[in-house]
Amino acid sequence: MGSIGELPQPPAEETRFVETMTDQELAETVSRVFYRIFLEYWKLSNKLACPPKLKLPTGLTNLGNTCYLNATLQCLRVMPELQESLNKYN
């Protein structure tokens, strides 16, 4: 943030906009971004186990303005920790 009277420093690297890039620069940038995304996905996929298949039909009936509530319930339904806790509850 700096202190009073200190001017902010310009960024170390000049900001590049897609509109001003050449085709070669754009291709290199896109390939770097997709490579990073692929690596992150690969790391996550190796850590996560496949979620169990649901034995219930998908979706709930919308009762007017309940779509957000329905979406939240569907997200909670597939959480293994919540399923286990609810199964243990008497």
PDB file of N, CA and C in Angstrom:
ATOM      1  N   MET A   1       0.823  -1.180   0.000  1.00  0.00           N
ATOM      2  CA  MET A   1       0.000   0.000   0.000  1.00  0.00           C
ATOM      3  C   MET A   1       0.871   1.250   0.000  1.00  0.00           C
ATOM      4  N   GLY A   2       1.959   1.223   0.727  1.00  0.00           N
ATOM      5  CA  GLY A   2       2.808   2.413   0.761  1.00  0.00           C
ATOM      6  C   GLY A   2       2.492   3.285   1.959  1.00  0.00           C
ATOM      7  N   SER A   3       3.142   4.415   1.992  1.00  0.00           N
ATOM      8  CA  SER A   3       2.914   5.337   3.095  1.00  0.00           C
ATOM      9  C   SER A   3       2.511   6.694   2.519  1.00  0.00           C
ATOM     10  N   ILE A   4       2.169   7.598   3.407  1.00  0.00           N
ATOM     11  CA  ILE A   4       1.731   8.926   2.979  1.00  0.00           C
ATOM     12  C   ILE A   4       2.869   9.610   2.232  1.00  0.00           C
ATOM     13  N   GLY A   5       2.551  10.166   1.114  1.00  0.00           N
ATOM     14  CA  GLY A   5       3.541  10.872   0.319  1.00  0.00           C
ATOM     15  C   GLY A   5       4.300   9.995  -0.657  1.00  0.00           C
ATOM     16  N   GLU A   6       4.179   8.680  -0.526  1.00  0.00           N
ATOM     17  CA  GLU A   6       4.879   7.773  -1.429  1.00  0.00           C
ATOM     18  C   GLU A   6       3.991   7.489  -2.638  1.00  0.00           C
ATOM     19  N   LEU A   7       4.530   7.640  -3.815  1.00  0.00           N
ATOM     20  CA  LEU A   7       3.773   7.380  -5.032  1.00  0.00           C
ATOM     21  C   LEU A   7       3.796   5.889  -5.355  1.00  0.00           C
ATOM     22  N   PRO A   8       2.709   5.353  -5.866  1.00  0.00           N
ATOM     23  CA  PRO A   8       2.720   3.939  -6.244  1.00  0.00           C
ATOM     24  C   PRO A   8       3.682   3.704  -7.399  1.00  0.00           C
ATOM     25  N   GLN A   9       4.317   2.542  -7.377  1.00  0.00           N
ATOM     26  CA  GLN A   9       5.263   2.173  -8.422  1.00  0.00           C
ATOM     27  C   GLN A   9       4.505   1.559  -9.599  1.00  0.00           C
ATOM     28  N   PRO A  10       4.976   1.790 -10.820  1.00  0.00           N
ATOM     29  CA  PRO A  10       4.332   1.158 -11.970  1.00  0.00           C
ATOM     30  C   PRO A  10       4.549  -0.358 -11.921  1.00  0.00           C
ATOM     31  N   PRO A  11       3.669  -1.128 -12.534  1.00  0.00           N
ATOM     32  CA  PRO A  11       3.834  -2.585 -12.519  1.00  0.00           C
ATOM     33  C   PRO A  11       5.143  -2.994 -13.185  1.00  0.00           C
ATOM     34  N   ALA A  12       5.698  -4.109 -12.706  1.00  0.00           N
ATOM     35  CA  ALA A  12       6.973  -4.595 -13.248  1.00  0.00           C
ATOM     36  C   ALA A  12       6.819  -5.003 -14.710  1.00  0.00           C
ATOM     37  N   GLU A  13       5.665  -5.514 -15.064  1.00  0.00           N
ATOM     38  CA  GLU A  13       5.419  -5.962 -16.429  1.00  0.00           C
ATOM     39  C   GLU A  13       4.292  -5.126 -17.030  1.00  0.00           C
ATOM     40  N   GLU A  14       4.454  -4.702 -18.253  1.00  0.00           N
ATOM     41  CA  GLU A  14       3.450  -3.882 -18.916  1.00  0.00           C
ATOM     42  C   GLU A  14       2.161  -4.685 -19.117  1.00  0.00           C
ATOM     43  N   THR A  15       1.031  -4.050 -18.854  1.00  0.00           N
ATOM     44  CA  THR A  15      -0.258  -4.695 -19.049  1.00  0.00           C
ATOM     45  C   THR A  15      -0.512  -4.908 -20.535  1.00  0.00           C
ATOM     46  N   ARG A  16      -0.890  -6.126 -20.874  1.00  0.00           N
ATOM     47  CA  ARG A  16      -1.179  -6.456 -22.274  1.00  0.00           C
ATOM     48  C   ARG A  16      -2.667  -6.724 -22.406  1.00  0.00           C
ATOM     49  N   PHE A  17      -3.260  -6.212 -23.444  1.00  0.00           N
ATOM     50  CA  PHE A  17      -4.664  -6.432 -23.719  1.00  0.00           C
ATOM     51  C   PHE A  17      -4.802  -7.336 -24.930  1.00  0.00           C
ATOM     52  N   VAL A  18      -5.831  -8.155 -24.935  1.00  0.00           N
ATOM     53  CA  VAL A  18      -6.049  -9.096 -26.027  1.00  0.00           C
ATOM     54  C   VAL A  18      -6.146  -8.363 -27.360  1.00  0.00           C
ATOM     55  N   GLU A  19      -6.788  -7.212 -27.334  1.00  0.00           N
ATOM     56  CA  GLU A  19      -6.997  -6.468 -28.570  1.00  0.00           C
ATOM     57  C   GLU A  19      -5.695  -6.003 -29.223  1.00  0.00           C
ATOM     58  N   THR A  20      -4.649  -5.820 -28.425  1.00  0.00           N
ATOM     59  CA  THR A  20      -3.386  -5.316 -28.970  1.00  0.00           C
ATOM     60  C   THR A  20      -2.359  -6.418 -29.222  1.00  0.00           C
ATOM     61  N   MET A  21      -2.695  -7.667 -28.916  1.00  0.00           N
ATOM     62  CA  MET A  21      -1.751  -8.765 -29.107  1.00  0.00           C
ATOM     63  C   MET A  21      -1.754  -9.231 -30.559  1.00  0.00           C
ATOM     64  N   THR A  22      -0.593  -9.698 -30.985  1.00  0.00           N
ATOM     65  CA  THR A  22      -0.513 -10.336 -32.291  1.00  0.00           C
ATOM     66  C   THR A  22      -1.084 -11.747 -32.162  1.00  0.00           C
ATOM     67  N   ASP A  23      -1.322 -12.396 -33.279  1.00  0.00           N
ATOM     68  CA  ASP A  23      -1.848 -13.758 -33.242  1.00  0.00           C
ATOM     69  C   ASP A  23      -0.896 -14.695 -32.503  1.00  0.00           C
ATOM     70  N   GLN A  24       0.387 -14.518 -32.704  1.00  0.00           N
ATOM     71  CA  GLN A  24       1.390 -15.365 -32.044  1.00  0.00           C
ATOM     72  C   GLN A  24       1.365 -15.157 -30.535  1.00  0.00           C
ATOM     73  N   GLU A  25       1.331 -13.891 -30.082  1.00  0.00           N
ATOM     74  CA  GLU A  25       1.283 -13.601 -28.648  1.00  0.00           C
ATOM     75  C   GLU A  25       0.006 -14.149 -28.023  1.00  0.00           C
ATOM     76  N   LEU A  26      -1.106 -14.006 -28.713  1.00  0.00           N
ATOM     77  CA  LEU A  26      -2.384 -14.504 -28.214  1.00  0.00           C
ATOM     78  C   LEU A  26      -2.359 -16.027 -28.080  1.00  0.00           C
ATOM     79  N   ALA A  27      -1.816 -16.710 -29.078  1.00  0.00           N
ATOM     80  CA  ALA A  27      -1.733 -18.168 -29.036  1.00  0.00           C
ATOM     81  C   ALA A  27      -0.853 -18.631 -27.876  1.00  0.00           C
ATOM     82  N   GLU A  28       0.270 -17.960 -27.657  1.00  0.00           N
ATOM     83  CA  GLU A  28       1.159 -18.335 -26.557  1.00  0.00           C
ATOM     84  C   GLU A  28       0.485 -18.095 -25.208  1.00  0.00           C
ATOM     85  N   THR A  29      -0.213 -16.977 -25.066  1.00  0.00           N
ATOM     86  CA  THR A  29      -0.885 -16.660 -23.814  1.00  0.00           C
ATOM     87  C   THR A  29      -1.983 -17.664 -23.519  1.00  0.00           C
ATOM     88  N   VAL A  30      -2.794 -17.966 -24.512  1.00  0.00           N
ATOM     89  CA  VAL A  30      -3.891 -18.921 -24.329  1.00  0.00           C
ATOM     90  C   VAL A  30      -3.342 -20.295 -23.976  1.00  0.00           C
ATOM     91  N   SER A  31      -2.286 -20.725 -24.641  1.00  0.00           N
ATOM     92  CA  SER A  31      -1.732 -22.048 -24.351  1.00  0.00           C
ATOM     93  C   SER A  31      -1.162 -22.103 -22.939  1.00  0.00           C
ATOM     94  N   ARG A  32      -0.531 -21.020 -22.455  1.00  0.00           N
ATOM     95  CA  ARG A  32      -0.027 -20.990 -21.080  1.00  0.00           C
ATOM     96  C   ARG A  32      -1.161 -21.073 -20.070  1.00  0.00           C
ATOM     97  N   VAL A  33      -2.229 -20.330 -20.340  1.00  0.00           N
ATOM     98  CA  VAL A  33      -3.369 -20.327 -19.418  1.00  0.00           C
ATOM     99  C   VAL A  33      -4.017 -21.707 -19.366  1.00  0.00           C
ATOM    100  N   PHE A  34      -4.267 -22.305 -20.534  1.00  0.00           N
ATOM    101  CA  PHE A  34      -4.877 -23.625 -20.547  1.00  0.00           C
ATOM    102  C   PHE A  34      -3.973 -24.664 -19.899  1.00  0.00           C
ATOM    103  N   TYR A  35      -2.665 -24.534 -20.059  1.00  0.00           N
ATOM    104  CA  TYR A  35      -1.737 -25.467 -19.433  1.00  0.00           C
ATOM    105  C   TYR A  35      -1.821 -25.356 -17.917  1.00  0.00           C
ATOM    106  N   ARG A  36      -1.879 -24.128 -17.395  1.00  0.00           N
ATOM    107  CA  ARG A  36      -2.002 -23.936 -15.940  1.00  0.00           C
ATOM    108  C   ARG A  36      -3.319 -24.510 -15.425  1.00  0.00           C
ATOM    109  N   ILE A  37      -4.404 -24.261 -16.161  1.00  0.00           N
ATOM    110  CA  ILE A  37      -5.706 -24.796 -15.750  1.00  0.00           C
ATOM    111  C   ILE A  37      -5.671 -26.321 -15.755  1.00  0.00           C
ATOM    112  N   PHE A  38      -5.069 -26.906 -16.783  1.00  0.00           N
ATOM    113  CA  PHE A  38      -4.972 -28.359 -16.865  1.00  0.00           C
ATOM    114  C   PHE A  38      -4.185 -28.921 -15.692  1.00  0.00           C
ATOM    115  N   LEU A  39      -3.069 -28.273 -15.335  1.00  0.00           N
ATOM    116  CA  LEU A  39      -2.271 -28.762 -14.208  1.00  0.00           C
ATOM    117  C   LEU A  39      -3.055 -28.700 -12.902  1.00  0.00           C
ATOM    118  N   GLU A  40      -3.767 -27.607 -12.674  1.00  0.00           N
ATOM    119  CA  GLU A  40      -4.563 -27.485 -11.457  1.00  0.00           C
ATOM    120  C   GLU A  40      -5.664 -28.532 -11.427  1.00  0.00           C
ATOM    121  N   TYR A  41      -6.327 -28.757 -12.551  1.00  0.00           N
ATOM    122  CA  TYR A  41      -7.359 -29.781 -12.634  1.00  0.00           C
ATOM    123  C   TYR A  41      -6.771 -31.153 -12.350  1.00  0.00           C
ATOM    124  N   TRP A  42      -5.609 -31.433 -12.903  1.00  0.00           N
ATOM    125  CA  TRP A  42      -4.969 -32.733 -12.715  1.00  0.00           C
ATOM    126  C   TRP A  42      -4.625 -32.942 -11.249  1.00  0.00           C
ATOM    127  N   LYS A  43      -4.093 -31.909 -10.594  1.00  0.00           N
ATOM    128  CA  LYS A  43      -3.767 -32.020  -9.168  1.00  0.00           C
ATOM    129  C   LYS A  43      -5.018 -32.292  -8.344  1.00  0.00           C
ATOM    130  N   LEU A  44      -6.092 -31.559  -8.631  1.00  0.00           N
ATOM    131  CA  LEU A  44      -7.332 -31.750  -7.888  1.00  0.00           C
ATOM    132  C   LEU A  44      -7.965 -33.107  -8.150  1.00  0.00           C
ATOM    133  N   SER A  45      -7.948 -33.538  -9.406  1.00  0.00           N
ATOM    134  CA  SER A  45      -8.589 -34.807  -9.731  1.00  0.00           C
ATOM    135  C   SER A  45      -7.870 -35.979  -9.085  1.00  0.00           C
ATOM    136  N   ASN A  46      -6.574 -35.857  -8.857  1.00  0.00           N
ATOM    137  CA  ASN A  46      -5.837 -36.919  -8.190  1.00  0.00           C
ATOM    138  C   ASN A  46      -6.136 -36.951  -6.700  1.00  0.00           C
ATOM    139  N   LYS A  47      -6.543 -35.822  -6.125  1.00  0.00           N
ATOM    140  CA  LYS A  47      -6.840 -35.760  -4.698  1.00  0.00           C
ATOM    141  C   LYS A  47      -8.272 -36.174  -4.389  1.00  0.00           C
ATOM    142  N   LEU A  48      -9.195 -35.933  -5.312  1.00  0.00           N
ATOM    143  CA  LEU A  48     -10.605 -36.171  -5.054  1.00  0.00           C
ATOM    144  C   LEU A  48     -11.024 -37.553  -5.526  1.00  0.00           C
ATOM    145  N   ALA A  49     -11.860 -38.184  -4.736  1.00  0.00           N
ATOM    146  CA  ALA A  49     -12.445 -39.451  -5.162  1.00  0.00           C
ATOM    147  C   ALA A  49     -13.730 -39.138  -5.920  1.00  0.00           C
ATOM    148  N   CYS A  50     -14.120 -40.009  -6.793  1.00  0.00           N
ATOM    149  CA  CYS A  50     -15.360 -39.793  -7.538  1.00  0.00           C
ATOM    150  C   CYS A  50     -16.538 -39.844  -6.580  1.00  0.00           C
ATOM    151  N   PRO A  51     -17.455 -38.892  -6.672  1.00  0.00           N
ATOM    152  CA  PRO A  51     -18.616 -38.927  -5.784  1.00  0.00           C
ATOM    153  C   PRO A  51     -19.510 -40.115  -6.116  1.00  0.00           C
ATOM    154  N   PRO A  52     -20.185 -40.659  -5.108  1.00  0.00           N
ATOM    155  CA  PRO A  52     -21.061 -41.793  -5.380  1.00  0.00           C
ATOM    156  C   PRO A  52     -22.235 -41.392  -6.261  1.00  0.00           C
ATOM    157  N   LYS A  53     -22.737 -42.335  -7.020  1.00  0.00           N
ATOM    158  CA  LYS A  53     -23.889 -42.076  -7.876  1.00  0.00           C
ATOM    159  C   LYS A  53     -25.136 -41.969  -7.003  1.00  0.00           C
ATOM    160  N   LEU A  54     -25.962 -40.985  -7.297  1.00  0.00           N
ATOM    161  CA  LEU A  54     -27.203 -40.831  -6.552  1.00  0.00           C
ATOM    162  C   LEU A  54     -28.232 -41.827  -7.047  1.00  0.00           C
ATOM    163  N   LYS A  55     -29.009 -42.366  -6.130  1.00  0.00           N
ATOM    164  CA  LYS A  55     -30.051 -43.306  -6.502  1.00  0.00           C
ATOM    165  C   LYS A  55     -31.411 -42.624  -6.497  1.00  0.00           C
ATOM    166  N   LEU A  56     -31.403 -41.294  -6.505  1.00  0.00           N
ATOM    167  CA  LEU A  56     -32.629 -40.524  -6.514  1.00  0.00           C
ATOM    168  C   LEU A  56     -32.752 -39.798  -7.840  1.00  0.00           C
ATOM    169  N   PRO A  57     -33.969 -39.495  -8.256  1.00  0.00           N
ATOM    170  CA  PRO A  57     -34.108 -38.685  -9.474  1.00  0.00           C
ATOM    171  C   PRO A  57     -33.559 -37.287  -9.233  1.00  0.00           C
ATOM    172  N   THR A  58     -33.030 -36.667 -10.268  1.00  0.00           N
ATOM    173  CA  THR A  58     -32.483 -35.324 -10.121  1.00  0.00           C
ATOM    174  C   THR A  58     -33.570 -34.287 -10.217  1.00  0.00           C
ATOM    175  N   GLY A  59     -33.359 -33.174  -9.558  1.00  0.00           N
ATOM    176  CA  GLY A  59     -34.263 -32.038  -9.669  1.00  0.00           C
ATOM    177  C   GLY A  59     -35.411 -32.080  -8.681  1.00  0.00           C
ATOM    178  N   LEU A  60     -35.910 -30.913  -8.372  1.00  0.00           N
ATOM    179  CA  LEU A  60     -37.063 -30.735  -7.506  1.00  0.00           C
ATOM    180  C   LEU A  60     -38.071 -29.870  -8.236  1.00  0.00           C
ATOM    181  N   THR A  61     -39.313 -29.974  -7.850  1.00  0.00           N
ATOM    182  CA  THR A  61     -40.354 -29.164  -8.470  1.00  0.00           C
ATOM    183  C   THR A  61     -40.245 -27.734  -7.977  1.00  0.00           C
ATOM    184  N   ASN A  62     -40.250 -26.790  -8.896  1.00  0.00           N
ATOM    185  CA  ASN A  62     -40.177 -25.377  -8.540  1.00  0.00           C
ATOM    186  C   ASN A  62     -41.569 -24.885  -8.160  1.00  0.00           C
ATOM    187  N   LEU A  63     -41.675 -24.331  -6.961  1.00  0.00           N
ATOM    188  CA  LEU A  63     -42.964 -23.839  -6.468  1.00  0.00           C
ATOM    189  C   LEU A  63     -43.017 -22.323  -6.554  1.00  0.00           C
ATOM    190  N   GLY A  64     -42.699 -21.782  -7.688  1.00  0.00           N
ATOM    191  CA  GLY A  64     -42.725 -20.326  -7.847  1.00  0.00           C
ATOM    192  C   GLY A  64     -41.328 -19.760  -7.776  1.00  0.00           C
ATOM    193  N   ASN A  65     -40.924 -19.300  -6.589  1.00  0.00           N
ATOM    194  CA  ASN A  65     -39.606 -18.685  -6.441  1.00  0.00           C
ATOM    195  C   ASN A  65     -38.701 -19.529  -5.553  1.00  0.00           C
ATOM    196  N   THR A  66     -38.817 -20.839  -5.622  1.00  0.00           N
ATOM    197  CA  THR A  66     -38.012 -21.720  -4.771  1.00  0.00           C
ATOM    198  C   THR A  66     -36.808 -22.318  -5.485  1.00  0.00           C
ATOM    199  N   CYS A  67     -36.442 -21.802  -6.656  1.00  0.00           N
ATOM    200  CA  CYS A  67     -35.356 -22.419  -7.422  1.00  0.00           C
ATOM    201  C   CYS A  67     -34.019 -22.337  -6.685  1.00  0.00           C
ATOM    202  N   TYR A  68     -33.759 -21.221  -5.979  1.00  0.00           N
ATOM    203  CA  TYR A  68     -32.488 -21.102  -5.256  1.00  0.00           C
ATOM    204  C   TYR A  68     -32.446 -22.083  -4.088  1.00  0.00           C
ATOM    205  N   LEU A  69     -33.549 -22.230  -3.397  1.00  0.00           N
ATOM    206  CA  LEU A  69     -33.619 -23.196  -2.311  1.00  0.00           C
ATOM    207  C   LEU A  69     -33.439 -24.607  -2.847  1.00  0.00           C
ATOM    208  N   ASN A  70     -34.084 -24.918  -3.961  1.00  0.00           N
ATOM    209  CA  ASN A  70     -33.943 -26.244  -4.568  1.00  0.00           C
ATOM    210  C   ASN A  70     -32.495 -26.523  -4.956  1.00  0.00           C
ATOM    211  N   ALA A  71     -31.837 -25.541  -5.560  1.00  0.00           N
ATOM    212  CA  ALA A  71     -30.434 -25.718  -5.968  1.00  0.00           C
ATOM    213  C   ALA A  71     -29.549 -25.943  -4.749  1.00  0.00           C
ATOM    214  N   THR A  72     -29.800 -25.210  -3.671  1.00  0.00           N
ATOM    215  CA  THR A  72     -29.010 -25.372  -2.442  1.00  0.00           C
ATOM    216  C   THR A  72     -29.207 -26.757  -1.857  1.00  0.00           C
ATOM    217  N   LEU A  73     -30.443 -27.222  -1.798  1.00  0.00           N
ATOM    218  CA  LEU A  73     -30.720 -28.564  -1.269  1.00  0.00           C
ATOM    219  C   LEU A  73     -30.053 -29.645  -2.108  1.00  0.00           C
ATOM    220  N   GLN A  74     -30.051 -29.474  -3.430  1.00  0.00           N
ATOM    221  CA  GLN A  74     -29.420 -30.463  -4.292  1.00  0.00           C
ATOM    222  C   GLN A  74     -27.906 -30.488  -4.080  1.00  0.00           C
ATOM    223  N   CYS A  75     -27.304 -29.329  -3.855  1.00  0.00           N
ATOM    224  CA  CYS A  75     -25.866 -29.278  -3.581  1.00  0.00           C
ATOM    225  C   CYS A  75     -25.547 -29.948  -2.253  1.00  0.00           C
ATOM    226  N   LEU A  76     -26.372 -29.692  -1.234  1.00  0.00           N
ATOM    227  CA  LEU A  76     -26.142 -30.305   0.072  1.00  0.00           C
ATOM    228  C   LEU A  76     -26.340 -31.817   0.021  1.00  0.00           C
ATOM    229  N   ARG A  77     -27.250 -32.273  -0.825  1.00  0.00           N
ATOM    230  CA  ARG A  77     -27.579 -33.695  -0.910  1.00  0.00           C
ATOM    231  C   ARG A  77     -26.389 -34.547  -1.340  1.00  0.00           C
ATOM    232  N   VAL A  78     -25.505 -34.022  -2.148  1.00  0.00           N
ATOM    233  CA  VAL A  78     -24.392 -34.835  -2.664  1.00  0.00           C
ATOM    234  C   VAL A  78     -23.142 -34.756  -1.800  1.00  0.00           C
ATOM    235  N   MET A  79     -23.203 -34.049  -0.674  1.00  0.00           N
ATOM    236  CA  MET A  79     -22.036 -33.970   0.220  1.00  0.00           C
ATOM    237  C   MET A  79     -21.960 -35.236   1.061  1.00  0.00           C
ATOM    238  N   PRO A  80     -20.892 -36.058   0.909  1.00  0.00           N
ATOM    239  CA  PRO A  80     -20.802 -37.323   1.654  1.00  0.00           C
ATOM    240  C   PRO A  80     -20.840 -37.122   3.169  1.00  0.00           C
ATOM    241  N   GLU A  81     -20.198 -36.068   3.669  1.00  0.00           N
ATOM    242  CA  GLU A  81     -20.171 -35.839   5.115  1.00  0.00           C
ATOM    243  C   GLU A  81     -21.573 -35.598   5.664  1.00  0.00           C
ATOM    244  N   LEU A  82     -22.355 -34.826   4.948  1.00  0.00           N
ATOM    245  CA  LEU A  82     -23.722 -34.552   5.383  1.00  0.00           C
ATOM    246  C   LEU A  82     -24.580 -35.813   5.291  1.00  0.00           C
ATOM    247  N   GLN A  83     -24.400 -36.600   4.238  1.00  0.00           N
ATOM    248  CA  GLN A  83     -25.149 -37.850   4.096  1.00  0.00           C
ATOM    249  C   GLN A  83     -24.868 -38.779   5.274  1.00  0.00           C
ATOM    250  N   GLU A  84     -23.582 -38.914   5.629  1.00  0.00           N
ATOM    251  CA  GLU A  84     -23.211 -39.789   6.745  1.00  0.00           C
ATOM    252  C   GLU A  84     -23.808 -39.290   8.052  1.00  0.00           C
ATOM    253  N   SER A  85     -23.753 -37.985   8.294  1.00  0.00           N
ATOM    254  CA  SER A  85     -24.303 -37.423   9.523  1.00  0.00           C
ATOM    255  C   SER A  85     -25.810 -37.637   9.599  1.00  0.00           C
ATOM    256  N   LEU A  86     -26.503 -37.418   8.486  1.00  0.00           N
ATOM    257  CA  LEU A  86     -27.954 -37.611   8.488  1.00  0.00           C
ATOM    258  C   LEU A  86     -28.324 -39.094   8.645  1.00  0.00           C
ATOM    259  N   ASN A  87     -27.530 -39.990   8.088  1.00  0.00           N
ATOM    260  CA  ASN A  87     -27.804 -41.419   8.241  1.00  0.00           C
ATOM    261  C   ASN A  87     -27.608 -41.879   9.680  1.00  0.00           C
ATOM    262  N   LYS A  88     -26.698 -41.252  10.422  1.00  0.00           N
ATOM    263  CA  LYS A  88     -26.448 -41.610  11.813  1.00  0.00           C
ATOM    264  C   LYS A  88     -27.499 -41.019  12.754  1.00  0.00           C
ATOM    265  N   TYR A  89     -28.187 -39.958  12.305  1.00  0.00           N
ATOM    266  CA  TYR A  89     -29.165 -39.274  13.148  1.00  0.00           C
ATOM    267  C   TYR A  89     -30.391 -40.135  13.369  1.00  0.00           C
ATOM    268  N   ASN A  90     -30.840 -40.226  14.624  1.00  0.00           N
ATOM    269  CA  ASN A  90     -32.046 -41.013  14.964  1.00  0.00           C
ATOM    270  C   ASN A  90     -33.263 -40.150  15.000  1.00  0.00           C
TER     271      ASN A  90
END
